[in-house]
């Protein structure tokens, strides 16, 4: 295994094709007939809010970051010289307007007191440069993050078998046992899934988020976009993204992560009423005239081949490879509780492959997501009767 290199998976083309057909059938099963107009995503189904913000890219010290990277990774002088951090989204100090979608991770809309992951998808607007061929928008950059450092499934093949069990469980109630059986037969993945469900954040506006999957920062001069997934492909450098909550006032100190109070969580469970805690919290928090929430926008480098690019269940140890701050995301006072806003959040379309070529999503799971996400989005928009338009500031 080499540094900054992604590897093809056995039978990858086959299982990507199977997943493509499976997600279409799953969407038809979930949102066919009279349910068409209410079609949601097949995962991360519950939209908590669509929020406007600003992503500021700093004039960060590239030389200092590269020097620190050289201490932590075994790089040749040629490799080090090939790394250019100030390109694409990071090319120059700039402020980008963004749309954020806060969501829960489950396959269906559930109460917020149920164990789940939470996501923050970031869409930066007005990002100029050569686009990835799979981009569905012209001048945006999508960064999809979750409040877990990992994704619980290692391979495309395993994800297909898991999703097939979920699909069959949706067809017939008795087939729900298939999901439990899959988890029993995959104890490693089952443990990761349970662990990712343990956190109940106090607020999604003060939570920490990770991309879990990796991205290139730059491409080699001889890069061939047809090769990833077929042969090993090496990049100048590979990174992950992170958003760490910080105080809104200088010196922007990192905030301690807080959990939803246990007593309040128990009350919600026994009340029998619908629990939309995270949406209500965002609405109330941002309704305050002086509201301001911030995250440090950070990147983390792969510093050893053991930090797998393709296996997203492996967390990149921050002691071995710390995050470097390259910008700041901020959200201020706004109203987010109108029906129009809800529709806008439902219709927003995100994909790891929507953006600049130099920020190419890499790794097996990212290659699958880059194929499947647009299929689900197109299917969802068709069912809802939406003619999708690229969002503006």
Protein backbone atom coordinates (compact mmCIF):
# COMPACT_ATOMS: atom_id res chain seq x y z
CA UNK A 1 0.00 0.00 0.00
CA UNK A 2 1.34 3.42 -0.99
CA UNK A 3 0.69 6.84 0.50
CA UNK A 4 -1.93 9.02 -1.26
CA UNK A 5 -3.10 6.04 -3.34
CA UNK A 6 -6.61 4.62 -3.80
CA UNK A 7 -7.10 1.02 -4.88
CA UNK A 8 -9.84 -0.70 -6.89
CA UNK A 9 -12.15 -3.14 -5.17
CA UNK A 10 -12.74 -6.64 -6.54
CA UNK A 11 -15.88 -6.72 -8.69
CA UNK A 12 -16.35 -2.98 -8.10
CA UNK A 13 -18.07 -2.29 -11.42
CA UNK A 14 -20.51 -5.13 -10.81
CA UNK A 15 -21.56 -3.99 -7.34
CA UNK A 16 -21.78 -0.33 -8.31
CA UNK A 17 -24.18 -1.33 -11.09
CA UNK A 18 -26.21 -3.47 -8.68
CA UNK A 19 -26.38 -0.58 -6.20
CA UNK A 20 -27.51 1.80 -8.93
CA UNK A 21 -30.48 -0.42 -9.75
CA UNK A 22 -31.21 -1.17 -6.10
CA UNK A 23 -31.51 2.47 -5.03
CA UNK A 24 -33.99 3.11 -7.86
CA UNK A 25 -36.13 0.17 -6.72
CA UNK A 26 -35.85 1.30 -3.12
CA UNK A 27 -37.01 4.83 -3.98
CA UNK A 28 -39.99 3.39 -5.87
CA UNK A 29 -40.82 1.19 -2.89
CA UNK A 30 -40.53 4.06 -0.41
CA UNK A 31 -42.15 6.79 -2.48
CA UNK A 32 -44.30 5.23 -5.15
CA UNK A 33 -47.97 5.89 -5.83
CA UNK A 34 -49.55 8.61 -3.70
CA UNK A 35 -46.33 9.21 -1.78
CA UNK A 36 -44.50 10.57 -4.83
CA UNK A 37 -44.93 14.26 -4.03
CA UNK A 38 -43.45 13.76 -0.55
CA UNK A 39 -40.40 11.82 -1.76
CA UNK A 40 -37.33 12.24 0.43
CA UNK A 41 -33.80 10.90 0.30
CA UNK A 42 -33.26 7.18 0.82
CA UNK A 43 -30.70 7.95 3.56
CA UNK A 44 -30.38 11.08 5.73
CA UNK A 45 -34.11 11.36 5.10
CA UNK A 46 -35.01 13.81 7.85
CA UNK A 47 -34.12 17.41 7.02
CA UNK A 48 -33.78 19.40 10.23
CA UNK A 49 -33.15 22.73 8.53
CA UNK A 50 -31.65 24.50 5.53
CA UNK A 51 -29.48 27.35 6.80
CA UNK A 52 -27.50 30.15 5.13
CA UNK A 53 -23.94 30.88 6.20
CA UNK A 54 -20.51 32.07 5.13
CA UNK A 55 -17.37 30.04 4.55
CA UNK A 56 -14.23 32.15 4.85
CA UNK A 57 -10.98 30.74 3.47
CA UNK A 58 -7.94 32.09 5.32
CA UNK A 59 -4.59 33.20 3.97
CA UNK A 60 -3.06 30.23 5.80
CA UNK A 61 0.66 29.52 6.02
CA UNK A 62 1.16 26.83 3.37
CA UNK A 63 4.91 26.46 4.03
CA UNK A 64 4.35 25.86 7.76
CA UNK A 65 1.69 23.22 7.11
CA UNK A 66 3.89 21.41 4.56
CA UNK A 67 6.83 21.50 6.98
CA UNK A 68 4.69 19.92 9.71
CA UNK A 69 3.40 17.35 7.21
CA UNK A 70 6.97 16.40 6.24
CA UNK A 71 7.71 15.62 9.90
CA UNK A 72 4.77 13.25 10.15
CA UNK A 73 4.89 11.47 6.78
CA UNK A 74 7.74 9.74 4.94
CA UNK A 75 7.83 11.94 1.86
CA UNK A 76 10.50 12.31 -0.78
CA UNK A 77 11.53 15.81 -1.77
CA UNK A 78 9.70 15.30 -5.08
CA UNK A 79 6.50 14.31 -3.27
CA UNK A 80 6.73 17.33 -1.00
CA UNK A 81 7.33 19.69 -3.91
CA UNK A 82 4.33 18.22 -5.78
CA UNK A 83 1.97 19.21 -2.95
CA UNK A 84 0.17 22.49 -3.57
CA UNK A 85 -2.35 23.42 -0.88
CA UNK A 86 -3.47 26.76 -2.28
CA UNK A 87 -5.62 25.61 -5.16
CA UNK A 88 -9.30 25.10 -5.84
CA UNK A 89 -11.42 26.20 -2.91
CA UNK A 90 -8.23 27.09 -0.99
CA UNK A 91 -6.59 29.09 -3.80
CA UNK A 92 -6.93 32.50 -2.16
CA UNK A 93 -8.45 34.22 0.88
CA UNK A 94 -12.12 34.57 0.08
CA UNK A 95 -15.59 34.46 1.57
CA UNK A 96 -18.14 32.13 0.00
CA UNK A 97 -21.86 32.20 0.73
CA UNK A 98 -23.03 28.70 1.67
CA UNK A 99 -26.17 26.69 2.12
CA UNK A 100 -26.12 24.12 4.90
CA UNK A 101 -28.46 21.17 5.27
CA UNK A 102 -28.67 19.67 8.74
CA UNK A 103 -30.16 16.17 8.75
CA UNK A 104 -30.48 12.86 10.58
CA UNK A 105 -28.81 9.83 9.06
CA UNK A 106 -31.57 7.19 9.12
CA UNK A 107 -33.25 5.62 6.08
CA UNK A 108 -36.59 7.10 7.18
CA UNK A 109 -37.92 10.02 9.21
CA UNK A 110 -37.76 9.15 12.91
CA UNK A 111 -38.04 10.89 16.25
CA UNK A 112 -34.89 12.67 17.37
CA UNK A 113 -34.74 10.67 20.60
CA UNK A 114 -33.87 7.58 18.54
CA UNK A 115 -30.19 6.77 18.13
CA UNK A 116 -28.82 8.12 14.86
CA UNK A 117 -25.99 10.02 13.22
CA UNK A 118 -26.42 13.69 12.32
CA UNK A 119 -25.05 15.35 9.20
CA UNK A 120 -24.10 18.82 8.02
CA UNK A 121 -23.84 19.16 4.24
CA UNK A 122 -22.12 22.32 3.04
CA UNK A 123 -22.65 23.88 -0.38
CA UNK A 124 -20.21 26.72 -1.12
CA UNK A 125 -21.43 29.06 -3.88
CA UNK A 126 -19.36 30.84 -6.51
CA UNK A 127 -16.41 28.43 -6.57
CA UNK A 128 -14.71 28.85 -9.93
CA UNK A 129 -12.49 26.30 -11.68
CA UNK A 130 -12.41 23.08 -13.70
CA UNK A 131 -15.30 20.86 -12.62
CA UNK A 132 -15.51 17.16 -11.91
CA UNK A 133 -17.36 15.45 -14.79
CA UNK A 134 -20.03 14.17 -12.36
CA UNK A 135 -20.87 17.67 -11.07
CA UNK A 136 -24.56 18.52 -11.27
CA UNK A 137 -23.94 22.23 -10.65
CA UNK A 138 -21.69 24.82 -12.31
CA UNK A 139 -20.10 26.92 -9.55
CA UNK A 140 -20.62 25.13 -6.23
CA UNK A 141 -18.48 22.90 -4.03
CA UNK A 142 -20.18 20.28 -1.83
CA UNK A 143 -18.61 19.08 1.42
CA UNK A 144 -20.64 16.36 3.16
CA UNK A 145 -19.86 15.75 6.83
CA UNK A 146 -21.28 13.78 9.76
CA UNK A 147 -20.84 13.81 13.52
CA UNK A 148 -18.91 10.54 13.37
CA UNK A 149 -15.29 10.10 12.27
CA UNK A 150 -16.01 6.94 10.30
CA UNK A 151 -18.50 5.20 8.03
CA UNK A 152 -19.52 1.81 9.39
CA UNK A 153 -19.11 -0.32 6.21
CA UNK A 154 -15.77 -1.12 4.58
CA UNK A 155 -16.53 -2.17 1.03
CA UNK A 156 -18.94 -1.53 -1.82
CA UNK A 157 -19.85 -5.23 -1.83
CA UNK A 158 -20.71 -5.17 1.87
CA UNK A 159 -22.74 -2.00 1.48
CA UNK A 160 -24.72 -3.65 -1.31
CA UNK A 161 -25.52 -6.67 0.87
CA UNK A 162 -26.55 -4.41 3.77
CA UNK A 163 -28.69 -2.15 1.59
CA UNK A 164 -30.33 -5.19 -0.02
CA UNK A 165 -31.40 -6.36 3.45
CA UNK A 166 -32.78 -2.87 4.19
CA UNK A 167 -34.66 -2.82 0.87
CA UNK A 168 -36.23 -6.22 1.47
CA UNK A 169 -37.18 -5.20 5.01
CA UNK A 170 -39.06 -2.26 3.48
CA UNK A 171 -41.01 -4.60 1.21
CA UNK A 172 -42.23 -7.03 3.86
CA UNK A 173 -42.34 -6.56 7.66
CA UNK A 174 -41.08 -10.10 8.30
CA UNK A 175 -37.94 -9.30 6.30
CA UNK A 176 -36.84 -6.87 9.02
CA UNK A 177 -35.12 -9.88 10.51
CA UNK A 178 -32.76 -9.80 7.51
CA UNK A 179 -31.22 -6.54 8.73
CA UNK A 180 -30.70 -8.00 12.20
CA UNK A 181 -29.20 -11.12 10.64
CA UNK A 182 -26.84 -9.03 8.52
CA UNK A 183 -25.65 -7.15 11.60
CA UNK A 184 -25.17 -10.42 13.49
CA UNK A 185 -23.07 -11.81 10.65
CA UNK A 186 -21.01 -8.58 10.55
CA UNK A 187 -20.06 -7.93 14.20
CA UNK A 188 -17.38 -5.35 13.35
CA UNK A 189 -19.79 -3.19 11.35
CA UNK A 190 -22.55 -3.76 13.92
CA UNK A 191 -20.34 -2.44 16.73
CA UNK A 192 -19.38 0.64 14.70
CA UNK A 193 -23.03 1.33 13.91
CA UNK A 194 -24.05 1.08 17.57
CA UNK A 195 -21.20 3.37 18.60
CA UNK A 196 -22.19 5.99 16.03
CA UNK A 197 -25.72 6.06 17.49
CA UNK A 198 -24.59 6.88 21.03
CA UNK A 199 -24.25 10.64 20.72
CA UNK A 200 -27.26 12.88 21.21
CA UNK A 201 -25.83 16.37 20.62
CA UNK A 202 -27.22 19.27 22.62
CA UNK A 203 -27.38 21.26 19.37
CA UNK A 204 -26.39 20.64 15.77
CA UNK A 205 -25.08 24.23 15.74
CA UNK A 206 -22.34 23.35 18.23
CA UNK A 207 -21.51 19.83 17.07
CA UNK A 208 -18.28 18.62 15.47
CA UNK A 209 -18.38 17.10 11.98
CA UNK A 210 -16.00 14.95 9.89
CA UNK A 211 -16.04 13.94 6.22
CA UNK A 212 -14.98 10.36 7.20
CA UNK A 213 -14.13 9.75 3.53
CA UNK A 214 -11.12 11.21 1.72
CA UNK A 215 -10.50 13.70 -1.09
CA UNK A 216 -7.57 14.65 -3.26
CA UNK A 217 -6.01 18.08 -3.12
CA UNK A 218 -4.70 18.42 -6.64
CA UNK A 219 -4.18 15.94 -9.48
CA UNK A 220 -1.06 14.66 -11.19
CA UNK A 221 -0.36 15.96 -14.70
CA UNK A 222 -0.99 12.51 -16.21
CA UNK A 223 -4.21 11.85 -14.26
CA UNK A 224 -6.76 9.78 -16.21
CA UNK A 225 -10.31 10.02 -14.79
CA UNK A 226 -11.21 6.62 -16.24
CA UNK A 227 -8.66 4.80 -14.05
CA UNK A 228 -9.98 5.13 -10.44
CA UNK A 229 -11.79 1.92 -9.53
CA UNK A 230 -9.88 0.01 -12.23
CA UNK A 231 -6.22 0.38 -11.22
CA UNK A 232 -4.40 1.97 -8.24
CA UNK A 233 -4.28 5.77 -8.63
CA UNK A 234 -1.83 8.02 -6.81
CA UNK A 235 -2.54 11.67 -5.95
CA UNK A 236 -0.20 14.51 -4.92
CA UNK A 237 -1.85 14.49 -1.48
CA UNK A 238 -5.03 13.13 0.12
CA UNK A 239 -7.02 14.82 2.88
CA UNK A 240 -10.18 14.61 4.96
CA UNK A 241 -12.34 17.58 5.97
CA UNK A 242 -13.53 18.61 9.40
CA UNK A 243 -15.64 21.31 11.03
CA UNK A 244 -14.83 21.96 14.69
CA UNK A 245 -17.17 24.22 16.71
CA UNK A 246 -15.49 27.32 18.15
CA UNK A 247 -16.65 30.40 20.04
CA UNK A 248 -18.00 33.19 17.85
CA UNK A 249 -15.68 35.78 19.41
CA UNK A 250 -11.86 35.94 19.17
CA UNK A 251 -9.74 34.00 19.95
CA UNK A 252 -12.38 31.48 18.70
CA UNK A 253 -11.61 28.78 21.24
CA UNK A 254 -12.78 25.24 20.57
CA UNK A 255 -16.11 24.45 22.23
CA UNK A 256 -16.58 21.38 24.39
CA UNK A 257 -19.10 18.96 22.93
CA UNK A 258 -22.33 18.84 24.90
CA UNK A 259 -25.12 16.27 24.92
CA UNK A 260 -28.87 16.59 25.02
CA UNK A 261 -29.89 16.40 28.72
CA UNK A 262 -30.72 12.83 29.69
CA UNK A 263 -33.82 13.91 31.63
CA UNK A 264 -35.18 15.78 28.61
CA UNK A 265 -34.39 12.83 26.35
CA UNK A 266 -36.35 10.49 28.63
CA UNK A 267 -39.31 12.89 28.71
CA UNK A 268 -39.40 12.95 24.92
CA UNK A 269 -39.39 9.15 24.76
CA UNK A 270 -42.32 8.69 27.15
CA UNK A 271 -44.40 11.62 25.90
CA UNK A 272 -45.66 9.76 22.85
CA UNK A 273 -45.53 12.94 20.77
CA UNK A 274 -43.43 13.66 17.70
CA UNK A 275 -39.88 14.69 18.61
CA UNK A 276 -38.25 17.25 16.30
CA UNK A 277 -35.80 18.52 18.90
CA UNK A 278 -32.98 19.43 16.49
CA UNK A 279 -35.14 21.41 14.07
CA UNK A 280 -36.80 23.30 16.92
CA UNK A 281 -33.42 24.03 18.49
CA UNK A 282 -32.04 25.49 15.23
CA UNK A 283 -35.17 27.62 14.72
CA UNK A 284 -35.06 29.03 18.25
CA UNK A 285 -31.29 29.53 18.35
CA UNK A 286 -31.11 31.41 15.04
CA UNK A 287 -34.20 33.50 15.82
CA UNK A 288 -32.17 35.46 18.40
CA UNK A 289 -30.98 38.77 16.89
CA UNK A 290 -27.40 38.29 18.12
CA UNK A 291 -27.15 34.62 17.11
CA UNK A 292 -23.79 33.55 15.72
CA UNK A 293 -22.29 30.05 15.48
CA UNK A 294 -18.86 29.18 14.12
CA UNK A 295 -16.75 26.21 13.11
CA UNK A 296 -13.08 26.06 12.19
CA UNK A 297 -12.86 24.56 8.71
CA UNK A 298 -9.99 22.07 8.82
CA UNK A 299 -8.10 19.54 6.74
CA UNK A 300 -6.31 16.36 7.87
CA UNK A 301 -3.61 14.64 5.81
CA UNK A 302 -3.04 10.96 5.25
CA UNK A 303 0.41 10.51 6.80
CA UNK A 304 0.81 6.73 6.53
CA UNK A 305 -0.65 3.99 4.31
CA UNK A 306 -2.23 2.44 7.42
CA UNK A 307 -4.59 5.43 7.42
CA UNK A 308 -6.68 3.77 4.74
CA UNK A 309 -8.27 5.81 1.97
CA UNK A 310 -10.59 3.02 0.80
CA UNK A 311 -11.62 1.61 4.21
CA UNK A 312 -13.67 4.40 5.80
CA UNK A 313 -14.15 2.43 9.03
CA UNK A 314 -10.54 3.30 9.92
CA UNK A 315 -10.26 6.60 11.80
CA UNK A 316 -7.22 8.73 11.02
CA UNK A 317 -5.58 9.27 14.40
CA UNK A 318 -5.38 12.99 15.20
CA UNK A 319 -2.26 12.51 17.33
CA UNK A 320 -0.47 11.16 14.27
CA UNK A 321 -2.12 13.59 11.86
CA UNK A 322 -3.69 16.70 13.43
CA UNK A 323 -6.24 18.87 11.68
CA UNK A 324 -5.01 22.19 10.25
CA UNK A 325 -7.38 25.16 10.19
CA UNK A 326 -7.74 26.73 6.73
CA UNK A 327 -10.97 28.68 7.17
CA UNK A 328 -14.05 29.37 9.23
CA UNK A 329 -17.73 28.60 8.71
CA UNK A 330 -20.20 30.97 10.37
CA UNK A 331 -23.98 31.12 10.70
CA UNK A 332 -25.89 34.15 11.98
CA UNK A 333 -29.42 35.24 12.83
CA UNK A 334 -32.08 34.12 10.33
CA UNK A 335 -35.55 32.63 10.14
CA UNK A 336 -35.63 29.02 8.96
CA UNK A 337 -39.12 27.85 9.84
CA UNK A 338 -41.22 28.63 6.76
CA UNK A 339 -42.79 25.94 4.53
CA UNK A 340 -40.82 27.44 1.64
CA UNK A 341 -37.57 26.92 3.54
CA UNK A 342 -38.56 23.32 4.29
CA UNK A 343 -39.21 22.63 0.61
CA UNK A 344 -35.92 24.27 -0.34
CA UNK A 345 -34.02 22.01 2.09
CA UNK A 346 -35.77 18.91 0.77
CA UNK A 347 -34.95 19.81 -2.83
CA UNK A 348 -31.27 20.69 -2.32
CA UNK A 349 -29.00 18.17 -3.99
CA UNK A 350 -25.57 17.23 -2.62
CA UNK A 351 -22.92 14.85 -3.90
CA UNK A 352 -19.26 14.23 -3.00
CA UNK A 353 -18.53 14.58 -6.73
CA UNK A 354 -20.18 17.98 -7.11
CA UNK A 355 -17.29 20.41 -7.23
CA UNK A 356 -13.83 21.07 -8.57
CA UNK A 357 -11.64 18.44 -10.22
CA UNK A 358 -8.76 19.15 -7.81
CA UNK A 359 -11.01 18.13 -4.89
CA UNK A 360 -11.81 14.73 -6.35
CA UNK A 361 -13.53 12.30 -3.91
CA UNK A 362 -11.32 9.23 -3.50
CA UNK A 363 -11.73 5.77 -2.01
CA UNK A 364 -14.18 2.93 -2.67
CA UNK A 365 -17.16 4.27 -0.72
CA UNK A 366 -16.73 7.73 -2.27
CA UNK A 367 -16.65 6.21 -5.74
CA UNK A 368 -19.95 4.47 -4.96
CA UNK A 369 -21.51 7.63 -3.47
CA UNK A 370 -20.50 9.63 -6.55
CA UNK A 371 -22.56 7.25 -8.69
CA UNK A 372 -25.54 6.70 -6.39
CA UNK A 373 -26.21 10.20 -4.98
CA UNK A 374 -27.12 11.76 -8.36
CA UNK A 375 -29.41 8.81 -9.16
CA UNK A 376 -31.34 9.28 -5.91
CA UNK A 377 -31.48 13.07 -6.38
CA UNK A 378 -32.84 12.82 -9.94
CA UNK A 379 -35.36 10.19 -8.85
CA UNK A 380 -36.48 12.31 -5.90
CA UNK A 381 -36.86 15.47 -7.97
CA UNK A 382 -38.82 13.62 -10.65
CA UNK A 383 -41.21 12.19 -8.06
CA UNK A 384 -41.68 15.59 -6.40
CA UNK A 385 -42.23 17.30 -9.76
CA UNK A 386 -39.25 19.58 -9.16
CA UNK A 387 -37.19 21.11 -11.92
CA UNK A 388 -33.94 21.40 -10.03
CA UNK A 389 -32.07 24.69 -10.16
CA UNK A 390 -28.59 25.39 -8.84
CA UNK A 391 -28.99 27.43 -5.63
CA UNK A 392 -27.64 30.96 -5.39
CA UNK A 393 -26.68 33.07 -2.41
